[in-house]
């Protein structure tokens, strides 16, 4: 039986993630209330605007249920979803709340504004060859990560603007996050990797 995977549907690239998961044979449920979290095998937190997402999650009384659920089912966050899963944000609003769980420090809009969006081919051993064509839009960055966090992908120092390696995809147990937006590409390997995480959990 296909797993039921939720997509947090309060803001962001909801339809794009739902399409990718459906293409891979998962049953998709759009989640706007705490009641809709019941029975999920996994959850995607989409890209969007992290401060708005935080405000709406609090308003919809979702933050605490999501924090409880993160220990029970796999979750994947892209772009703003990475910020939502981070334990610490360096430049968030003082009242910004996250789901947490990933022992990382994230920096919002680390690569600049929308006009500074870019694309790059990344080596991601966990999903195999060829390199993944990653699209970054007002993307966050993993500034630091504890030893408990597995780095899935990083922009090498020689290809980054800073001259040092930049972490852009991580996993810690059943939680995974990317700075980039795989949902707006035709390459389903990131979503396939997450669906396999859900199935194995």
N, C-alpha and C. Protein backbone atom coordinates (compact mmCIF):
# COMPACT_ATOMS: atom_id res chain seq x y z
N UNK A 1 0.84 -1.19 0.00
CA UNK A 1 0.00 0.00 0.00
C UNK A 1 0.88 1.25 0.00
N UNK A 2 0.50 2.25 -0.77
CA UNK A 2 1.29 3.47 -0.87
C UNK A 2 1.21 4.27 0.43
N UNK A 3 2.36 4.83 0.87
CA UNK A 3 2.33 5.63 2.10
C UNK A 3 1.57 6.94 1.88
N UNK A 4 0.94 7.42 2.96
CA UNK A 4 0.27 8.72 2.90
C UNK A 4 1.28 9.76 3.38
N UNK A 5 1.69 10.64 2.47
CA UNK A 5 2.66 11.68 2.79
C UNK A 5 1.96 13.04 2.73
N UNK A 6 2.10 13.80 3.79
CA UNK A 6 1.48 15.11 3.84
C UNK A 6 2.40 16.17 3.25
N UNK A 7 1.79 17.24 2.76
CA UNK A 7 2.52 18.45 2.37
C UNK A 7 1.91 19.59 3.18
N UNK A 8 2.72 20.24 4.00
CA UNK A 8 2.22 21.36 4.79
C UNK A 8 1.73 22.45 3.83
N UNK A 9 0.44 22.72 3.86
CA UNK A 9 -0.19 23.52 2.81
C UNK A 9 -0.66 24.88 3.30
N UNK A 10 0.16 25.52 4.15
CA UNK A 10 -0.23 26.84 4.64
C UNK A 10 0.43 27.97 3.83
N UNK A 11 1.51 27.63 3.09
CA UNK A 11 2.19 28.64 2.28
C UNK A 11 3.31 27.95 1.50
N UNK A 12 3.60 28.45 0.29
CA UNK A 12 4.76 27.96 -0.44
C UNK A 12 4.44 27.03 -1.61
N UNK A 13 5.47 26.26 -2.03
CA UNK A 13 5.39 25.41 -3.22
C UNK A 13 4.64 24.11 -2.95
N UNK A 14 3.41 24.22 -2.54
CA UNK A 14 2.63 23.05 -2.12
C UNK A 14 2.31 22.14 -3.30
N UNK A 15 1.74 22.69 -4.36
CA UNK A 15 1.33 21.87 -5.51
C UNK A 15 2.51 21.17 -6.16
N UNK A 16 3.65 21.86 -6.22
CA UNK A 16 4.83 21.28 -6.88
C UNK A 16 5.32 20.03 -6.13
N UNK A 17 5.38 20.12 -4.80
CA UNK A 17 5.79 18.95 -4.02
C UNK A 17 4.75 17.83 -4.14
N UNK A 18 3.48 18.19 -4.08
CA UNK A 18 2.42 17.19 -4.19
C UNK A 18 2.52 16.44 -5.52
N UNK A 19 2.82 17.17 -6.60
CA UNK A 19 2.95 16.56 -7.92
C UNK A 19 4.11 15.56 -7.93
N UNK A 20 5.26 15.95 -7.39
CA UNK A 20 6.43 15.05 -7.36
C UNK A 20 6.12 13.77 -6.60
N UNK A 21 5.48 13.91 -5.44
CA UNK A 21 5.16 12.73 -4.62
C UNK A 21 4.15 11.82 -5.30
N UNK A 22 3.17 12.43 -5.96
CA UNK A 22 2.16 11.65 -6.70
C UNK A 22 2.81 10.88 -7.84
N UNK A 23 3.75 11.52 -8.53
CA UNK A 23 4.48 10.87 -9.63
C UNK A 23 5.21 9.63 -9.14
N UNK A 24 5.62 9.63 -7.88
CA UNK A 24 6.36 8.50 -7.31
C UNK A 24 5.44 7.46 -6.66
N UNK A 25 4.13 7.65 -6.78
CA UNK A 25 3.19 6.65 -6.30
C UNK A 25 2.73 6.81 -4.87
N UNK A 26 3.08 7.93 -4.24
CA UNK A 26 2.63 8.16 -2.87
C UNK A 26 1.22 8.75 -2.87
N UNK A 27 0.48 8.46 -1.81
CA UNK A 27 -0.78 9.17 -1.59
C UNK A 27 -0.45 10.49 -0.91
N UNK A 28 -1.03 11.57 -1.39
CA UNK A 28 -0.69 12.89 -0.87
C UNK A 28 -1.88 13.51 -0.15
N UNK A 29 -1.59 14.08 1.02
CA UNK A 29 -2.61 14.82 1.76
C UNK A 29 -2.09 16.23 2.04
N UNK A 30 -2.88 17.23 1.63
CA UNK A 30 -2.51 18.61 1.93
C UNK A 30 -2.93 18.92 3.36
N UNK A 31 -1.97 19.43 4.14
CA UNK A 31 -2.18 19.61 5.58
C UNK A 31 -2.29 21.09 5.93
N UNK A 32 -3.46 21.45 6.49
CA UNK A 32 -3.68 22.82 6.96
C UNK A 32 -4.05 22.88 8.43
N UNK A 33 -4.42 21.74 9.00
CA UNK A 33 -4.83 21.68 10.40
C UNK A 33 -4.11 20.54 11.12
N UNK A 34 -4.07 20.62 12.44
CA UNK A 34 -3.44 19.57 13.24
C UNK A 34 -4.13 18.23 13.03
N UNK A 35 -5.45 18.26 12.84
CA UNK A 35 -6.21 17.01 12.65
C UNK A 35 -5.74 16.26 11.40
N UNK A 36 -5.30 17.01 10.40
CA UNK A 36 -4.87 16.38 9.15
C UNK A 36 -3.49 15.74 9.23
N UNK A 37 -2.81 15.92 10.37
CA UNK A 37 -1.52 15.26 10.58
C UNK A 37 -1.69 13.80 10.99
N UNK A 38 -2.86 13.47 11.49
CA UNK A 38 -3.10 12.12 12.02
C UNK A 38 -3.04 11.09 10.89
N UNK A 39 -2.24 10.04 11.10
CA UNK A 39 -2.17 8.95 10.13
C UNK A 39 -1.15 9.13 9.03
N UNK A 40 -0.40 10.23 9.06
CA UNK A 40 0.61 10.44 8.02
C UNK A 40 1.82 9.53 8.24
N UNK A 41 2.43 9.11 7.14
CA UNK A 41 3.67 8.33 7.22
C UNK A 41 4.89 9.21 7.02
N UNK A 42 4.68 10.42 6.49
CA UNK A 42 5.77 11.37 6.26
C UNK A 42 5.18 12.74 5.99
N UNK A 43 6.04 13.77 6.05
CA UNK A 43 5.56 15.13 5.83
C UNK A 43 6.62 15.96 5.13
N UNK A 44 6.18 16.74 4.14
CA UNK A 44 7.06 17.68 3.43
C UNK A 44 6.71 19.09 3.85
N UNK A 45 7.74 19.88 4.19
CA UNK A 45 7.54 21.31 4.47
C UNK A 45 8.13 22.05 3.27
N UNK A 46 7.28 22.71 2.48
CA UNK A 46 7.73 23.26 1.20
C UNK A 46 8.53 24.55 1.31
N UNK A 47 9.12 24.93 0.18
CA UNK A 47 9.75 26.23 0.08
C UNK A 47 8.69 27.31 0.08
N UNK A 48 9.07 28.49 0.50
CA UNK A 48 8.15 29.61 0.56
C UNK A 48 8.82 30.75 1.31
N UNK A 49 8.10 31.37 2.22
CA UNK A 49 8.65 32.47 3.02
C UNK A 49 8.60 32.03 4.48
N UNK A 50 9.76 31.85 5.08
CA UNK A 50 9.82 31.18 6.39
C UNK A 50 9.14 31.97 7.50
N UNK A 51 9.23 33.30 7.48
CA UNK A 51 8.57 34.06 8.55
C UNK A 51 7.06 33.96 8.44
N UNK A 52 6.55 34.04 7.21
CA UNK A 52 5.11 33.89 6.98
C UNK A 52 4.65 32.50 7.39
N UNK A 53 5.45 31.48 7.02
CA UNK A 53 5.11 30.10 7.36
C UNK A 53 5.05 29.91 8.87
N UNK A 54 6.01 30.51 9.57
CA UNK A 54 6.04 30.42 11.03
C UNK A 54 4.81 31.07 11.64
N UNK A 55 4.45 32.27 11.17
CA UNK A 55 3.28 32.99 11.68
C UNK A 55 2.01 32.17 11.47
N UNK A 56 1.86 31.61 10.26
CA UNK A 56 0.65 30.85 9.94
C UNK A 56 0.60 29.52 10.71
N UNK A 57 1.76 28.91 10.92
CA UNK A 57 1.79 27.66 11.69
C UNK A 57 1.36 27.90 13.13
N UNK A 58 1.79 29.02 13.69
CA UNK A 58 1.37 29.38 15.05
C UNK A 58 -0.12 29.69 15.07
N UNK A 59 -0.56 30.50 14.10
CA UNK A 59 -1.97 30.89 14.02
C UNK A 59 -2.88 29.67 13.88
N UNK A 60 -2.44 28.68 13.10
CA UNK A 60 -3.25 27.47 12.86
C UNK A 60 -3.02 26.40 13.93
N UNK A 61 -2.30 26.76 14.99
CA UNK A 61 -2.03 25.85 16.11
C UNK A 61 -1.36 24.55 15.64
N UNK A 62 -0.36 24.72 14.77
CA UNK A 62 0.33 23.57 14.20
C UNK A 62 1.73 23.35 14.79
N UNK A 63 2.33 24.37 15.38
CA UNK A 63 3.73 24.26 15.81
C UNK A 63 3.95 23.10 16.78
N UNK A 64 3.18 23.06 17.86
CA UNK A 64 3.39 22.00 18.85
C UNK A 64 3.09 20.60 18.30
N UNK A 65 1.97 20.41 17.56
CA UNK A 65 1.74 19.10 16.94
C UNK A 65 2.86 18.69 15.98
N UNK A 66 3.42 19.64 15.24
CA UNK A 66 4.52 19.34 14.33
C UNK A 66 5.78 18.95 15.10
N UNK A 67 6.02 19.63 16.20
CA UNK A 67 7.19 19.30 17.02
C UNK A 67 7.07 17.90 17.60
N UNK A 68 5.87 17.53 18.00
CA UNK A 68 5.65 16.18 18.52
C UNK A 68 5.81 15.14 17.42
N UNK A 69 5.33 15.48 16.23
CA UNK A 69 5.33 14.52 15.12
C UNK A 69 6.72 14.27 14.54
N UNK A 70 7.62 15.26 14.68
CA UNK A 70 8.95 15.11 14.05
C UNK A 70 9.74 13.93 14.61
N UNK A 71 9.39 13.50 15.82
CA UNK A 71 10.07 12.35 16.43
C UNK A 71 9.45 11.03 16.00
N UNK A 72 8.32 11.11 15.28
CA UNK A 72 7.57 9.91 14.95
C UNK A 72 7.62 9.53 13.47
N UNK A 73 7.70 10.52 12.59
CA UNK A 73 7.68 10.24 11.14
C UNK A 73 8.77 11.05 10.43
N UNK A 74 9.22 10.59 9.26
CA UNK A 74 10.18 11.37 8.49
C UNK A 74 9.59 12.70 8.01
N UNK A 75 10.43 13.73 8.00
CA UNK A 75 10.04 15.03 7.46
C UNK A 75 11.14 15.53 6.53
N UNK A 76 10.70 16.20 5.49
CA UNK A 76 11.65 16.80 4.54
C UNK A 76 11.26 18.26 4.31
N UNK A 77 12.23 19.16 4.44
CA UNK A 77 11.99 20.57 4.19
C UNK A 77 12.87 21.11 3.09
N UNK A 78 12.28 21.83 2.13
CA UNK A 78 13.07 22.48 1.08
C UNK A 78 13.03 23.98 1.29
N UNK A 79 14.19 24.63 1.18
CA UNK A 79 14.34 26.07 1.30
C UNK A 79 13.75 26.58 2.62
N UNK A 80 12.60 27.22 2.61
CA UNK A 80 11.99 27.68 3.86
C UNK A 80 11.74 26.50 4.80
N UNK A 81 11.49 25.32 4.23
CA UNK A 81 11.31 24.13 5.04
C UNK A 81 12.56 23.77 5.82
N UNK A 82 13.74 24.04 5.25
CA UNK A 82 15.00 23.84 5.97
C UNK A 82 15.05 24.74 7.20
N UNK A 83 14.65 25.99 7.03
CA UNK A 83 14.63 26.93 8.16
C UNK A 83 13.66 26.45 9.22
N UNK A 84 12.49 25.96 8.79
CA UNK A 84 11.48 25.47 9.73
C UNK A 84 11.97 24.27 10.54
N UNK A 85 12.87 23.46 9.96
CA UNK A 85 13.37 22.28 10.66
C UNK A 85 14.65 22.54 11.45
N UNK A 86 15.22 23.73 11.32
CA UNK A 86 16.47 24.06 12.00
C UNK A 86 16.23 24.35 13.48
N UNK A 87 17.17 23.93 14.31
CA UNK A 87 17.09 24.26 15.74
C UNK A 87 17.39 25.73 16.00
N UNK A 88 18.26 26.32 15.15
CA UNK A 88 18.70 27.70 15.35
C UNK A 88 18.70 28.45 14.03
N UNK A 89 18.27 29.73 14.08
CA UNK A 89 18.33 30.61 12.91
C UNK A 89 19.15 31.84 13.31
N UNK A 90 20.13 32.21 12.50
CA UNK A 90 20.99 33.33 12.89
C UNK A 90 20.33 34.69 12.66
N UNK A 91 19.45 34.79 11.67
CA UNK A 91 18.91 36.11 11.32
C UNK A 91 17.39 36.09 11.21
N UNK A 92 16.75 35.27 12.02
CA UNK A 92 15.30 35.21 12.01
C UNK A 92 14.69 36.33 12.83
N UNK A 93 13.39 36.51 12.71
CA UNK A 93 12.67 37.48 13.55
C UNK A 93 12.69 37.00 14.99
N UNK A 94 12.61 37.92 15.92
CA UNK A 94 12.69 37.57 17.34
C UNK A 94 11.56 36.64 17.76
N UNK A 95 10.42 36.74 17.08
CA UNK A 95 9.27 35.89 17.42
C UNK A 95 9.12 34.69 16.49
N UNK A 96 10.10 34.46 15.63
CA UNK A 96 9.99 33.37 14.66
C UNK A 96 10.18 32.02 15.34
N UNK A 97 9.22 31.12 15.12
CA UNK A 97 9.29 29.80 15.71
C UNK A 97 9.57 28.75 14.64
N UNK A 98 10.26 27.70 15.02
CA UNK A 98 10.53 26.61 14.09
C UNK A 98 10.04 25.29 14.68
N UNK A 99 9.93 24.30 13.81
CA UNK A 99 9.60 22.95 14.25
C UNK A 99 10.82 22.35 14.94
N UNK A 100 12.00 22.66 14.39
CA UNK A 100 13.25 22.17 14.96
C UNK A 100 13.46 20.68 14.69
N UNK A 101 14.51 20.15 15.31
CA UNK A 101 14.84 18.74 15.14
C UNK A 101 16.17 18.53 14.45
N UNK A 102 16.49 19.40 13.48
CA UNK A 102 17.79 19.32 12.83
C UNK A 102 18.78 20.17 13.63
N UNK A 103 19.86 19.54 14.08
CA UNK A 103 20.83 20.25 14.91
C UNK A 103 21.77 21.07 14.03
N UNK A 104 21.15 22.08 13.39
CA UNK A 104 21.89 22.96 12.49
C UNK A 104 21.58 24.42 12.83
N UNK A 105 22.47 25.29 12.39
CA UNK A 105 22.21 26.73 12.45
C UNK A 105 22.02 27.20 11.01
N UNK A 106 20.84 27.74 10.72
CA UNK A 106 20.51 28.17 9.36
C UNK A 106 20.52 29.69 9.25
N UNK A 107 20.96 30.16 8.10
CA UNK A 107 20.92 31.60 7.82
C UNK A 107 19.93 31.84 6.70
N UNK A 108 18.93 32.68 6.95
CA UNK A 108 17.91 32.99 5.96
C UNK A 108 18.50 33.84 4.83
N UNK A 109 17.98 33.61 3.61
CA UNK A 109 18.38 34.42 2.44
C UNK A 109 19.91 34.59 2.36
N UNK A 110 20.63 33.53 2.67
CA UNK A 110 22.09 33.61 2.75
C UNK A 110 22.74 33.96 1.42
N UNK A 111 22.07 33.61 0.34
CA UNK A 111 22.65 33.85 -0.99
C UNK A 111 22.15 35.15 -1.61
N UNK A 112 21.34 35.91 -0.87
CA UNK A 112 20.87 37.19 -1.39
C UNK A 112 19.38 37.17 -1.70
N UNK A 113 18.93 38.20 -2.40
CA UNK A 113 17.53 38.36 -2.72
C UNK A 113 17.14 37.53 -3.94
N UNK A 114 15.89 37.66 -4.36
CA UNK A 114 15.39 36.86 -5.49
C UNK A 114 16.22 37.09 -6.76
N UNK A 115 16.70 38.32 -6.95
CA UNK A 115 17.49 38.61 -8.15
C UNK A 115 18.84 37.88 -8.12
N UNK A 116 19.23 37.39 -6.94
CA UNK A 116 20.50 36.67 -6.81
C UNK A 116 20.30 35.16 -6.92
N UNK A 117 19.14 34.73 -7.38
CA UNK A 117 18.88 33.30 -7.55
C UNK A 117 19.87 32.70 -8.55
N UNK A 118 20.20 31.42 -8.37
CA UNK A 118 21.17 30.79 -9.26
C UNK A 118 20.92 29.29 -9.33
N UNK A 119 21.58 28.65 -10.29
CA UNK A 119 21.48 27.21 -10.47
C UNK A 119 22.88 26.62 -10.51
N UNK A 120 23.03 25.41 -9.99
CA UNK A 120 24.34 24.78 -9.97
C UNK A 120 24.15 23.26 -9.94
N UNK A 121 25.07 22.52 -10.55
CA UNK A 121 25.03 21.06 -10.51
C UNK A 121 25.78 20.58 -9.27
N UNK A 122 25.11 19.76 -8.47
CA UNK A 122 25.66 19.30 -7.20
C UNK A 122 25.88 17.80 -7.18
N UNK A 123 26.98 17.39 -6.59
CA UNK A 123 27.20 15.96 -6.33
C UNK A 123 26.44 15.60 -5.05
N UNK A 124 25.54 14.63 -5.18
CA UNK A 124 24.79 14.15 -4.02
C UNK A 124 24.90 12.62 -4.01
N UNK A 125 25.94 12.07 -3.37
CA UNK A 125 26.16 10.62 -3.41
C UNK A 125 24.95 9.79 -3.00
N UNK A 126 24.13 10.30 -2.08
CA UNK A 126 22.98 9.53 -1.59
C UNK A 126 21.96 9.21 -2.67
N UNK A 127 21.91 10.04 -3.73
CA UNK A 127 20.94 9.79 -4.80
C UNK A 127 21.62 9.30 -6.08
N UNK A 128 22.96 9.19 -6.07
CA UNK A 128 23.68 8.65 -7.20
C UNK A 128 23.98 9.65 -8.30
N UNK A 129 24.49 9.12 -9.39
CA UNK A 129 24.83 9.94 -10.56
C UNK A 129 23.61 10.09 -11.46
N UNK A 130 23.55 11.12 -12.32
CA UNK A 130 24.52 12.22 -12.46
C UNK A 130 24.33 13.28 -11.39
N UNK A 131 25.10 14.37 -11.48
CA UNK A 131 24.93 15.48 -10.55
C UNK A 131 23.50 16.01 -10.62
N UNK A 132 23.03 16.56 -9.51
CA UNK A 132 21.67 17.10 -9.43
C UNK A 132 21.69 18.58 -9.78
N UNK A 133 20.82 18.98 -10.72
CA UNK A 133 20.74 20.39 -11.11
C UNK A 133 19.88 21.12 -10.09
N UNK A 134 20.52 21.85 -9.18
CA UNK A 134 19.84 22.47 -8.05
C UNK A 134 19.55 23.94 -8.34
N UNK A 135 18.33 24.35 -7.99
CA UNK A 135 17.88 25.73 -8.19
C UNK A 135 17.72 26.40 -6.82
N UNK A 136 18.43 27.52 -6.65
CA UNK A 136 18.42 28.25 -5.39
C UNK A 136 17.68 29.58 -5.59
N UNK A 137 16.63 29.81 -4.78
CA UNK A 137 15.85 31.05 -4.85
C UNK A 137 15.74 31.62 -3.45
N UNK A 138 16.37 32.77 -3.20
CA UNK A 138 16.40 33.37 -1.85
C UNK A 138 16.71 32.29 -0.82
N UNK A 139 17.72 31.53 -1.10
CA UNK A 139 17.96 30.28 -0.37
C UNK A 139 18.67 30.49 0.96
N UNK A 140 18.33 29.65 1.93
CA UNK A 140 19.06 29.64 3.20
C UNK A 140 20.34 28.82 3.06
N UNK A 141 21.15 28.91 4.08
CA UNK A 141 22.42 28.18 4.11
C UNK A 141 22.55 27.52 5.47
N UNK A 142 23.13 26.33 5.49
CA UNK A 142 23.47 25.69 6.77
C UNK A 142 24.83 26.23 7.19
N UNK A 143 24.81 27.15 8.14
CA UNK A 143 26.07 27.78 8.58
C UNK A 143 26.92 26.83 9.42
N UNK A 144 26.25 25.99 10.20
CA UNK A 144 26.98 25.01 11.00
C UNK A 144 26.06 23.83 11.30
N UNK A 145 26.67 22.70 11.55
CA UNK A 145 25.91 21.48 11.85
C UNK A 145 26.68 20.65 12.85
N UNK A 146 25.95 20.00 13.75
CA UNK A 146 26.61 19.16 14.75
C UNK A 146 27.08 17.86 14.11
N UNK A 147 27.83 17.09 14.88
CA UNK A 147 28.33 15.81 14.39
C UNK A 147 27.21 14.81 14.13
N UNK A 148 26.02 15.08 14.69
CA UNK A 148 24.88 14.18 14.50
C UNK A 148 24.25 14.34 13.12
N UNK A 149 24.64 15.40 12.41
CA UNK A 149 24.04 15.72 11.11
C UNK A 149 24.92 15.21 9.97
N UNK A 150 24.28 14.50 9.04
CA UNK A 150 24.97 14.03 7.83
C UNK A 150 24.83 15.07 6.74
N UNK A 151 25.96 15.49 6.18
CA UNK A 151 25.93 16.44 5.06
C UNK A 151 25.71 15.65 3.77
N UNK A 152 24.59 15.90 3.11
CA UNK A 152 24.28 15.20 1.86
C UNK A 152 24.87 15.90 0.65
N UNK A 153 24.97 17.22 0.73
CA UNK A 153 25.51 17.98 -0.41
C UNK A 153 26.04 19.32 0.06
N UNK A 154 27.09 19.79 -0.62
CA UNK A 154 27.66 21.10 -0.32
C UNK A 154 28.22 21.69 -1.61
N UNK A 155 28.16 23.01 -1.71
CA UNK A 155 28.80 23.70 -2.82
C UNK A 155 30.28 23.79 -2.48
N UNK A 156 31.16 23.22 -3.33
CA UNK A 156 32.60 23.25 -3.01
C UNK A 156 33.12 24.69 -2.93
N UNK A 157 34.16 24.88 -2.13
CA UNK A 157 34.73 26.20 -1.93
C UNK A 157 35.12 26.89 -3.22
N UNK A 158 35.65 26.13 -4.16
CA UNK A 158 36.11 26.75 -5.42
C UNK A 158 34.96 27.21 -6.30
N UNK A 159 33.74 26.78 -5.97
CA UNK A 159 32.57 27.19 -6.77
C UNK A 159 31.63 28.12 -6.00
N UNK A 160 31.97 28.42 -4.75
CA UNK A 160 31.11 29.28 -3.94
C UNK A 160 31.59 30.72 -3.98
N UNK A 161 30.69 31.63 -3.63
CA UNK A 161 31.03 33.06 -3.62
C UNK A 161 31.97 33.42 -2.48
N UNK A 162 31.92 32.63 -1.42
CA UNK A 162 32.73 32.94 -0.24
C UNK A 162 34.12 32.31 -0.29
N UNK A 163 34.28 31.33 -1.18
CA UNK A 163 35.56 30.63 -1.24
C UNK A 163 35.66 29.48 -0.26
N UNK A 164 34.61 29.26 0.52
CA UNK A 164 34.59 28.14 1.45
C UNK A 164 33.36 27.27 1.16
N UNK A 165 33.43 26.02 1.59
CA UNK A 165 32.34 25.08 1.34
C UNK A 165 31.04 25.58 1.97
N UNK A 166 29.93 25.41 1.26
CA UNK A 166 28.63 25.84 1.75
C UNK A 166 27.68 24.64 1.78
N UNK A 167 27.21 24.27 2.97
CA UNK A 167 26.34 23.10 3.14
C UNK A 167 24.93 23.44 2.69
N UNK A 168 24.38 22.61 1.78
CA UNK A 168 23.06 22.91 1.20
C UNK A 168 22.07 21.75 1.26
N UNK A 169 22.48 20.61 1.82
CA UNK A 169 21.55 19.49 2.01
C UNK A 169 22.04 18.65 3.19
N UNK A 170 21.11 18.32 4.09
CA UNK A 170 21.49 17.58 5.30
C UNK A 170 20.44 16.54 5.66
N UNK A 171 20.88 15.60 6.49
CA UNK A 171 19.95 14.61 7.05
C UNK A 171 20.38 14.29 8.47
N UNK A 172 19.40 14.15 9.35
CA UNK A 172 19.65 13.72 10.72
C UNK A 172 18.53 12.77 11.10
N UNK A 173 18.82 11.48 11.09
CA UNK A 173 17.79 10.49 11.37
C UNK A 173 16.68 10.55 10.34
N UNK A 174 15.46 10.79 10.78
CA UNK A 174 14.30 10.84 9.89
C UNK A 174 14.00 12.24 9.36
N UNK A 175 14.91 13.19 9.61
CA UNK A 175 14.70 14.55 9.13
C UNK A 175 15.71 14.87 8.02
N UNK A 176 15.22 15.50 6.96
CA UNK A 176 16.07 15.85 5.82
C UNK A 176 15.71 17.25 5.35
N UNK A 177 16.69 17.98 4.83
CA UNK A 177 16.40 19.32 4.32
C UNK A 177 17.38 19.72 3.24
N UNK A 178 16.89 20.53 2.30
CA UNK A 178 17.73 21.08 1.24
C UNK A 178 17.52 22.59 1.15
N UNK A 179 18.60 23.32 0.83
CA UNK A 179 18.49 24.77 0.61
C UNK A 179 17.80 25.07 -0.70
N UNK A 180 17.88 24.13 -1.62
CA UNK A 180 17.39 24.34 -2.98
C UNK A 180 15.99 23.75 -3.16
N UNK A 181 15.45 23.93 -4.37
CA UNK A 181 14.05 23.58 -4.68
C UNK A 181 13.96 22.42 -5.70
N UNK A 182 14.07 21.16 -5.27
CA UNK A 182 13.94 20.07 -6.24
C UNK A 182 12.53 19.96 -6.82
N UNK A 183 11.55 20.53 -6.13
CA UNK A 183 10.15 20.41 -6.58
C UNK A 183 9.87 21.18 -7.85
N UNK A 184 10.76 22.11 -8.23
CA UNK A 184 10.52 22.87 -9.47
C UNK A 184 11.41 22.38 -10.60
N UNK A 185 11.97 21.17 -10.44
CA UNK A 185 12.71 20.53 -11.52
C UNK A 185 11.97 19.25 -11.91
N UNK A 186 12.42 18.63 -12.99
CA UNK A 186 11.81 17.37 -13.42
C UNK A 186 12.54 16.16 -12.84
N UNK A 187 13.60 16.40 -12.07
CA UNK A 187 14.40 15.33 -11.46
C UNK A 187 13.76 14.95 -10.13
N UNK A 188 13.26 13.73 -10.05
CA UNK A 188 12.51 13.27 -8.87
C UNK A 188 13.37 12.56 -7.83
N UNK A 189 14.69 12.57 -8.00
CA UNK A 189 15.53 11.72 -7.14
C UNK A 189 15.54 12.15 -5.67
N UNK A 190 15.46 13.44 -5.40
CA UNK A 190 15.40 13.89 -3.99
C UNK A 190 14.10 13.40 -3.35
N UNK A 191 12.99 13.57 -4.06
CA UNK A 191 11.71 13.10 -3.53
C UNK A 191 11.69 11.57 -3.42
N UNK A 192 12.30 10.89 -4.36
CA UNK A 192 12.37 9.43 -4.30
C UNK A 192 13.15 8.99 -3.06
N UNK A 193 14.24 9.68 -2.79
CA UNK A 193 15.05 9.40 -1.60
C UNK A 193 14.20 9.57 -0.34
N UNK A 194 13.38 10.63 -0.30
CA UNK A 194 12.53 10.85 0.87
C UNK A 194 11.44 9.80 0.97
N UNK A 195 10.81 9.46 -0.15
CA UNK A 195 9.76 8.42 -0.13
C UNK A 195 10.34 7.11 0.39
N UNK A 196 11.59 6.80 0.00
CA UNK A 196 12.24 5.58 0.49
C UNK A 196 12.50 5.67 2.00
N UNK A 197 12.84 6.88 2.48
CA UNK A 197 12.97 7.08 3.92
C UNK A 197 11.67 6.77 4.63
N UNK A 198 10.56 7.25 4.04
CA UNK A 198 9.23 7.03 4.62
C UNK A 198 8.90 5.53 4.63
N UNK A 199 9.13 4.87 3.51
CA UNK A 199 8.82 3.44 3.43
C UNK A 199 9.65 2.63 4.44
N UNK A 200 10.92 2.96 4.58
CA UNK A 200 11.79 2.20 5.50
C UNK A 200 11.47 2.50 6.96
N UNK A 201 10.86 3.67 7.22
CA UNK A 201 10.51 4.00 8.61
C UNK A 201 9.27 3.24 9.06
